[in-house]
Amino acid sequence: VGDDSRVRVVYTGVPLFDLGMREPLR
């Protein structure tokens, strides 16, 4: 676009999975 003033970066968020459920689900 030839314009840096309007461009931003936002990292996408994801749910932090409950690792305590790993073994039964696995």
PDB file of all heavy atoms in Angstrom:
ATOM      1  N   VAL A   1       0.821  -1.222   0.000  1.00  0.00           N
ATOM      2  CA  VAL A   1       0.000   0.000   0.000  1.00  0.00           C
ATOM      3  C   VAL A   1       0.849   1.263   0.000  1.00  0.00           C
ATOM      4  O   VAL A   1       0.331   2.364  -0.226  1.00  0.00           O
ATOM      5  CB  VAL A   1      -0.973   0.022   1.201  1.00  0.00           C
ATOM      6  CG1 VAL A   1      -1.921  -1.151   1.132  1.00  0.00           C
ATOM      7  CG2 VAL A   1      -0.226   0.037   2.524  1.00  0.00           C
ATOM      8  N   GLY A   2       2.161   1.132   0.270  1.00  0.00           N
ATOM      9  CA  GLY A   2       3.032   2.300   0.273  1.00  0.00           C
ATOM     10  C   GLY A   2       2.780   3.253   1.416  1.00  0.00           C
ATOM     11  O   GLY A   2       3.007   4.453   1.296  1.00  0.00           O
ATOM     12  N   ASP A   3       2.297   2.715   2.553  1.00  0.00           N
ATOM     13  CA  ASP A   3       1.962   3.572   3.691  1.00  0.00           C
ATOM     14  C   ASP A   3       2.138   2.775   4.973  1.00  0.00           C
ATOM     15  O   ASP A   3       1.395   1.831   5.231  1.00  0.00           O
ATOM     16  CB  ASP A   3       0.509   4.064   3.566  1.00  0.00           C
ATOM     17  CG  ASP A   3       0.087   4.950   4.726  1.00  0.00           C
ATOM     18  OD1 ASP A   3       0.938   5.273   5.579  1.00  0.00           O
ATOM     19  OD2 ASP A   3      -1.099   5.318   4.779  1.00  0.00           O
ATOM     20  N   ASP A   4       3.130   3.144   5.775  1.00  0.00           N
ATOM     21  CA  ASP A   4       3.390   2.431   7.025  1.00  0.00           C
ATOM     22  C   ASP A   4       2.568   2.977   8.183  1.00  0.00           C
ATOM     23  O   ASP A   4       2.397   2.308   9.202  1.00  0.00           O
ATOM     24  CB  ASP A   4       4.881   2.521   7.374  1.00  0.00           C
ATOM     25  CG  ASP A   4       5.244   1.642   8.552  1.00  0.00           C
ATOM     26  OD1 ASP A   4       4.745   0.503   8.615  1.00  0.00           O
ATOM     27  OD2 ASP A   4       6.020   2.091   9.414  1.00  0.00           O
ATOM     28  N   SER A   5       2.021   4.178   8.053  1.00  0.00           N
ATOM     29  CA  SER A   5       1.357   4.833   9.179  1.00  0.00           C
ATOM     30  C   SER A   5       0.062   4.138   9.589  1.00  0.00           C
ATOM     31  O   SER A   5      -0.380   4.281  10.729  1.00  0.00           O
ATOM     32  CB  SER A   5       1.059   6.297   8.831  1.00  0.00           C
ATOM     33  OG  SER A   5       0.112   6.384   7.771  1.00  0.00           O
ATOM     34  N   ARG A   6      -0.551   3.385   8.672  1.00  0.00           N
ATOM     35  CA  ARG A   6      -1.829   2.736   8.990  1.00  0.00           C
ATOM     36  C   ARG A   6      -1.703   1.239   9.238  1.00  0.00           C
ATOM     37  O   ARG A   6      -2.714   0.576   9.477  1.00  0.00           O
ATOM     38  CB  ARG A   6      -2.831   2.957   7.850  1.00  0.00           C
ATOM     39  CG  ARG A   6      -3.281   4.394   7.681  1.00  0.00           C
ATOM     40  CD  ARG A   6      -4.429   4.490   6.695  1.00  0.00           C
ATOM     41  NE  ARG A   6      -4.065   4.068   5.352  1.00  0.00           N
ATOM     42  CZ  ARG A   6      -4.737   3.159   4.642  1.00  0.00           C
ATOM     43  NH1 ARG A   6      -5.785   2.567   5.149  1.00  0.00           N
ATOM     44  NH2 ARG A   6      -4.344   2.847   3.413  1.00  0.00           N
ATOM     45  N   VAL A   7      -0.504   0.692   9.163  1.00  0.00           N
ATOM     46  CA  VAL A   7      -0.331  -0.753   9.271  1.00  0.00           C
ATOM     47  C   VAL A   7       0.079  -1.123  10.697  1.00  0.00           C
ATOM     48  O   VAL A   7       1.005  -0.544  11.260  1.00  0.00           O
ATOM     49  CB  VAL A   7       0.712  -1.262   8.263  1.00  0.00           C
ATOM     50  CG1 VAL A   7       0.888  -2.775   8.391  1.00  0.00           C
ATOM     51  CG2 VAL A   7       0.294  -0.898   6.837  1.00  0.00           C
ATOM     52  N   ARG A   8      -0.614  -2.096  11.262  1.00  0.00           N
ATOM     53  CA  ARG A   8      -0.342  -2.554  12.622  1.00  0.00           C
ATOM     54  C   ARG A   8      -0.204  -4.071  12.645  1.00  0.00           C
ATOM     55  O   ARG A   8      -0.687  -4.764  11.766  1.00  0.00           O
ATOM     56  CB  ARG A   8      -1.487  -2.150  13.566  1.00  0.00           C
ATOM     57  CG  ARG A   8      -1.808  -0.672  13.603  1.00  0.00           C
ATOM     58  CD  ARG A   8      -0.732   0.112  14.343  1.00  0.00           C
ATOM     59  NE  ARG A   8      -1.150   1.489  14.570  1.00  0.00           N
ATOM     60  CZ  ARG A   8      -0.993   2.467  13.703  1.00  0.00           C
ATOM     61  NH1 ARG A   8      -0.418   2.220  12.529  1.00  0.00           N
ATOM     62  NH2 ARG A   8      -1.384   3.699  13.978  1.00  0.00           N
ATOM     63  N   VAL A   9       0.431  -4.589  13.702  1.00  0.00           N
ATOM     64  CA  VAL A   9       0.544  -6.024  13.931  1.00  0.00           C
ATOM     65  C   VAL A   9      -0.133  -6.371  15.251  1.00  0.00           C
ATOM     66  O   VAL A   9       0.138  -5.731  16.273  1.00  0.00           O
ATOM     67  CB  VAL A   9       2.020  -6.479  13.971  1.00  0.00           C
ATOM     68  CG1 VAL A   9       2.135  -7.907  14.493  1.00  0.00           C
ATOM     69  CG2 VAL A   9       2.648  -6.382  12.595  1.00  0.00           C
ATOM     70  N   VAL A  10      -1.019  -7.356  15.220  1.00  0.00           N
ATOM     71  CA  VAL A  10      -1.632  -7.884  16.444  1.00  0.00           C
ATOM     72  C   VAL A  10      -1.545  -9.402  16.386  1.00  0.00           C
ATOM     73  O   VAL A  10      -2.064 -10.024  15.455  1.00  0.00           O
ATOM     74  CB  VAL A  10      -3.109  -7.455  16.586  1.00  0.00           C
ATOM     75  CG1 VAL A  10      -3.740  -8.157  17.789  1.00  0.00           C
ATOM     76  CG2 VAL A  10      -3.225  -5.943  16.737  1.00  0.00           C
ATOM     77  N   TYR A  11      -0.894 -10.000  17.360  1.00  0.00           N
ATOM     78  CA  TYR A  11      -0.798 -11.457  17.403  1.00  0.00           C
ATOM     79  C   TYR A  11      -2.164 -12.062  17.728  1.00  0.00           C
ATOM     80  O   TYR A  11      -2.881 -11.594  18.606  1.00  0.00           O
ATOM     81  CB  TYR A  11       0.214 -11.903  18.446  1.00  0.00           C
ATOM     82  CG  TYR A  11       1.651 -11.772  18.021  1.00  0.00           C
ATOM     83  CD1 TYR A  11       2.674 -11.680  18.955  1.00  0.00           C
ATOM     84  CD2 TYR A  11       1.998 -11.741  16.676  1.00  0.00           C
ATOM     85  CE1 TYR A  11       4.006 -11.574  18.569  1.00  0.00           C
ATOM     86  CE2 TYR A  11       3.324 -11.629  16.275  1.00  0.00           C
ATOM     87  CZ  TYR A  11       4.316 -11.538  17.226  1.00  0.00           C
ATOM     88  OH  TYR A  11       5.626 -11.433  16.832  1.00  0.00           O
ATOM     89  N   THR A  12      -2.495 -13.114  17.022  1.00  0.00           N
ATOM     90  CA  THR A  12      -3.743 -13.822  17.245  1.00  0.00           C
ATOM     91  C   THR A  12      -3.697 -14.555  18.577  1.00  0.00           C
ATOM     92  O   THR A  12      -2.672 -15.142  18.943  1.00  0.00           O
ATOM     93  CB  THR A  12      -3.984 -14.833  16.111  1.00  0.00           C
ATOM     94  OG1 THR A  12      -4.000 -14.128  14.869  1.00  0.00           O
ATOM     95  CG2 THR A  12      -5.307 -15.563  16.295  1.00  0.00           C
ATOM     96  N   GLY A  13      -4.802 -14.533  19.304  1.00  0.00           N
ATOM     97  CA  GLY A  13      -4.892 -15.251  20.566  1.00  0.00           C
ATOM     98  C   GLY A  13      -5.587 -16.596  20.386  1.00  0.00           C
ATOM     99  O   GLY A  13      -6.446 -16.758  19.524  1.00  0.00           O
ATOM    100  N   VAL A  14      -5.191 -17.560  21.181  1.00  0.00           N
ATOM    101  CA  VAL A  14      -5.824 -18.880  21.164  1.00  0.00           C
ATOM    102  C   VAL A  14      -6.136 -19.285  22.607  1.00  0.00           C
ATOM    103  O   VAL A  14      -5.512 -18.790  23.548  1.00  0.00           O
ATOM    104  CB  VAL A  14      -4.922 -19.949  20.517  1.00  0.00           C
ATOM    105  CG1 VAL A  14      -4.779 -19.707  19.029  1.00  0.00           C
ATOM    106  CG2 VAL A  14      -3.553 -20.005  21.185  1.00  0.00           C
ATOM    107  N   PRO A  15      -7.109 -20.182  22.791  1.00  0.00           N
ATOM    108  CA  PRO A  15      -7.379 -20.646  24.159  1.00  0.00           C
ATOM    109  C   PRO A  15      -6.190 -21.419  24.710  1.00  0.00           C
ATOM    110  O   PRO A  15      -5.514 -22.141  23.970  1.00  0.00           O
ATOM    111  CB  PRO A  15      -8.598 -21.562  23.970  1.00  0.00           C
ATOM    112  CG  PRO A  15      -8.565 -21.978  22.534  1.00  0.00           C
ATOM    113  CD  PRO A  15      -7.982 -20.823  21.795  1.00  0.00           C
ATOM    114  N   LEU A  16      -5.923 -21.228  25.974  1.00  0.00           N
ATOM    115  CA  LEU A  16      -4.861 -21.990  26.627  1.00  0.00           C
ATOM    116  C   LEU A  16      -5.483 -23.279  27.155  1.00  0.00           C
ATOM    117  O   LEU A  16      -6.205 -23.283  28.143  1.00  0.00           O
ATOM    118  CB  LEU A  16      -4.228 -21.168  27.753  1.00  0.00           C
ATOM    119  CG  LEU A  16      -3.499 -19.903  27.276  1.00  0.00           C
ATOM    120  CD1 LEU A  16      -3.007 -19.081  28.460  1.00  0.00           C
ATOM    121  CD2 LEU A  16      -2.340 -20.268  26.349  1.00  0.00           C
ATOM    122  N   PHE A  17      -5.225 -24.368  26.445  1.00  0.00           N
ATOM    123  CA  PHE A  17      -5.865 -25.638  26.758  1.00  0.00           C
ATOM    124  C   PHE A  17      -5.443 -26.152  28.132  1.00  0.00           C
ATOM    125  O   PHE A  17      -4.300 -25.958  28.565  1.00  0.00           O
ATOM    126  CB  PHE A  17      -5.523 -26.674  25.685  1.00  0.00           C
ATOM    127  CG  PHE A  17      -5.979 -26.298  24.308  1.00  0.00           C
ATOM    128  CD1 PHE A  17      -5.106 -26.354  23.230  1.00  0.00           C
ATOM    129  CD2 PHE A  17      -7.276 -25.874  24.078  1.00  0.00           C
ATOM    130  CE1 PHE A  17      -5.518 -26.020  21.952  1.00  0.00           C
ATOM    131  CE2 PHE A  17      -7.707 -25.528  22.813  1.00  0.00           C
ATOM    132  CZ  PHE A  17      -6.825 -25.593  21.747  1.00  0.00           C
ATOM    133  N   ASP A  18      -6.363 -26.824  28.789  1.00  0.00           N
ATOM    134  CA  ASP A  18      -6.108 -27.410  30.107  1.00  0.00           C
ATOM    135  C   ASP A  18      -5.265 -28.673  29.941  1.00  0.00           C
ATOM    136  O   ASP A  18      -5.764 -29.718  29.535  1.00  0.00           O
ATOM    137  CB  ASP A  18      -7.448 -27.732  30.781  1.00  0.00           C
ATOM    138  CG  ASP A  18      -7.270 -28.325  32.171  1.00  0.00           C
ATOM    139  OD1 ASP A  18      -6.107 -28.457  32.633  1.00  0.00           O
ATOM    140  OD2 ASP A  18      -8.290 -28.680  32.799  1.00  0.00           O
ATOM    141  N   LEU A  19      -3.991 -28.563  30.261  1.00  0.00           N
ATOM    142  CA  LEU A  19      -3.094 -29.709  30.083  1.00  0.00           C
ATOM    143  C   LEU A  19      -3.414 -30.852  31.037  1.00  0.00           C
ATOM    144  O   LEU A  19      -2.973 -31.992  30.821  1.00  0.00           O
ATOM    145  CB  LEU A  19      -1.640 -29.269  30.263  1.00  0.00           C
ATOM    146  CG  LEU A  19      -1.135 -28.207  29.267  1.00  0.00           C
ATOM    147  CD1 LEU A  19       0.352 -27.927  29.490  1.00  0.00           C
ATOM    148  CD2 LEU A  19      -1.387 -28.614  27.831  1.00  0.00           C
ATOM    149  N   GLY A  20      -4.201 -30.563  32.058  1.00  0.00           N
ATOM    150  CA  GLY A  20      -4.619 -31.624  32.964  1.00  0.00           C
ATOM    151  C   GLY A  20      -5.553 -32.622  32.298  1.00  0.00           C
ATOM    152  O   GLY A  20      -5.737 -33.744  32.804  1.00  0.00           O
ATOM    153  N   MET A  21      -6.138 -32.235  31.154  1.00  0.00           N
ATOM    154  CA  MET A  21      -7.037 -33.133  30.424  1.00  0.00           C
ATOM    155  C   MET A  21      -6.292 -33.948  29.374  1.00  0.00           C
ATOM    156  O   MET A  21      -6.894 -34.757  28.676  1.00  0.00           O
ATOM    157  CB  MET A  21      -8.129 -32.304  29.733  1.00  0.00           C
ATOM    158  CG  MET A  21      -9.079 -31.614  30.683  1.00  0.00           C
ATOM    159  SD  MET A  21     -10.024 -32.825  31.647  1.00  0.00           S
ATOM    160  CE  MET A  21     -10.945 -33.648  30.345  1.00  0.00           C
ATOM    161  N   ARG A  22      -4.978 -33.742  29.276  1.00  0.00           N
ATOM    162  CA  ARG A  22      -4.235 -34.381  28.202  1.00  0.00           C
ATOM    163  C   ARG A  22      -4.340 -35.910  28.236  1.00  0.00           C
ATOM    164  O   ARG A  22      -4.673 -36.537  27.224  1.00  0.00           O
ATOM    165  CB  ARG A  22      -2.759 -33.981  28.255  1.00  0.00           C
ATOM    166  CG  ARG A  22      -1.956 -34.538  27.081  1.00  0.00           C
ATOM    167  CD  ARG A  22      -0.473 -34.655  27.427  1.00  0.00           C
ATOM    168  NE  ARG A  22       0.114 -33.402  27.810  1.00  0.00           N
ATOM    169  CZ  ARG A  22       0.739 -32.557  26.979  1.00  0.00           C
ATOM    170  NH1 ARG A  22       0.833 -32.856  25.700  1.00  0.00           N
ATOM    171  NH2 ARG A  22       1.274 -31.451  27.444  1.00  0.00           N
ATOM    172  N   GLU A  23      -4.035 -36.525  29.380  1.00  0.00           N
ATOM    173  CA  GLU A  23      -3.935 -37.983  29.419  1.00  0.00           C
ATOM    174  C   GLU A  23      -5.260 -38.688  29.115  1.00  0.00           C
ATOM    175  O   GLU A  23      -5.285 -39.623  28.313  1.00  0.00           O
ATOM    176  CB  GLU A  23      -3.354 -38.434  30.757  1.00  0.00           C
ATOM    177  CG  GLU A  23      -1.880 -38.071  30.924  1.00  0.00           C
ATOM    178  CD  GLU A  23      -1.029 -38.498  29.730  1.00  0.00           C
ATOM    179  OE1 GLU A  23      -1.197 -39.650  29.249  1.00  0.00           O
ATOM    180  OE2 GLU A  23      -0.201 -37.699  29.278  1.00  0.00           O
ATOM    181  N   PRO A  24      -6.384 -38.289  29.736  1.00  0.00           N
ATOM    182  CA  PRO A  24      -7.630 -38.992  29.391  1.00  0.00           C
ATOM    183  C   PRO A  24      -8.056 -38.787  27.940  1.00  0.00           C
ATOM    184  O   PRO A  24      -8.506 -39.740  27.289  1.00  0.00           O
ATOM    185  CB  PRO A  24      -8.656 -38.415  30.371  1.00  0.00           C
ATOM    186  CG  PRO A  24      -8.050 -37.157  30.896  1.00  0.00           C
ATOM    187  CD  PRO A  24      -6.586 -37.360  30.864  1.00  0.00           C
ATOM    188  N   LEU A  25      -7.894 -37.567  27.420  1.00  0.00           N
ATOM    189  CA  LEU A  25      -8.255 -37.320  26.023  1.00  0.00           C
ATOM    190  C   LEU A  25      -7.299 -38.050  25.081  1.00  0.00           C
ATOM    191  O   LEU A  25      -7.715 -38.570  24.034  1.00  0.00           O
ATOM    192  CB  LEU A  25      -8.244 -35.818  25.734  1.00  0.00           C
ATOM    193  CG  LEU A  25      -9.376 -34.996  26.344  1.00  0.00           C
ATOM    194  CD1 LEU A  25      -9.191 -33.516  26.028  1.00  0.00           C
ATOM    195  CD2 LEU A  25     -10.737 -35.466  25.831  1.00  0.00           C
ATOM    196  N   ARG A  26      -6.030 -38.091  25.447  1.00  0.00           N
ATOM    197  CA  ARG A  26      -5.036 -38.770  24.623  1.00  0.00           C
ATOM    198  C   ARG A  26      -5.357 -40.265  24.520  1.00  0.00           C
ATOM    199  O   ARG A  26      -5.365 -40.849  23.427  1.00  0.00           O
ATOM    200  CB  ARG A  26      -3.648 -38.562  25.244  1.00  0.00           C
ATOM    201  CG  ARG A  26      -2.497 -39.276  24.518  1.00  0.00           C
ATOM    202  CD  ARG A  26      -1.199 -39.031  25.265  1.00  0.00           C
ATOM    203  NE  ARG A  26      -0.079 -39.757  24.682  1.00  0.00           N
ATOM    204  CZ  ARG A  26       0.680 -39.320  23.679  1.00  0.00           C
ATOM    205  NH1 ARG A  26       0.419 -38.156  23.115  1.00  0.00           N
ATOM    206  NH2 ARG A  26       1.691 -40.033  23.221  1.00  0.00           N
TER     207      ARG A  26
END
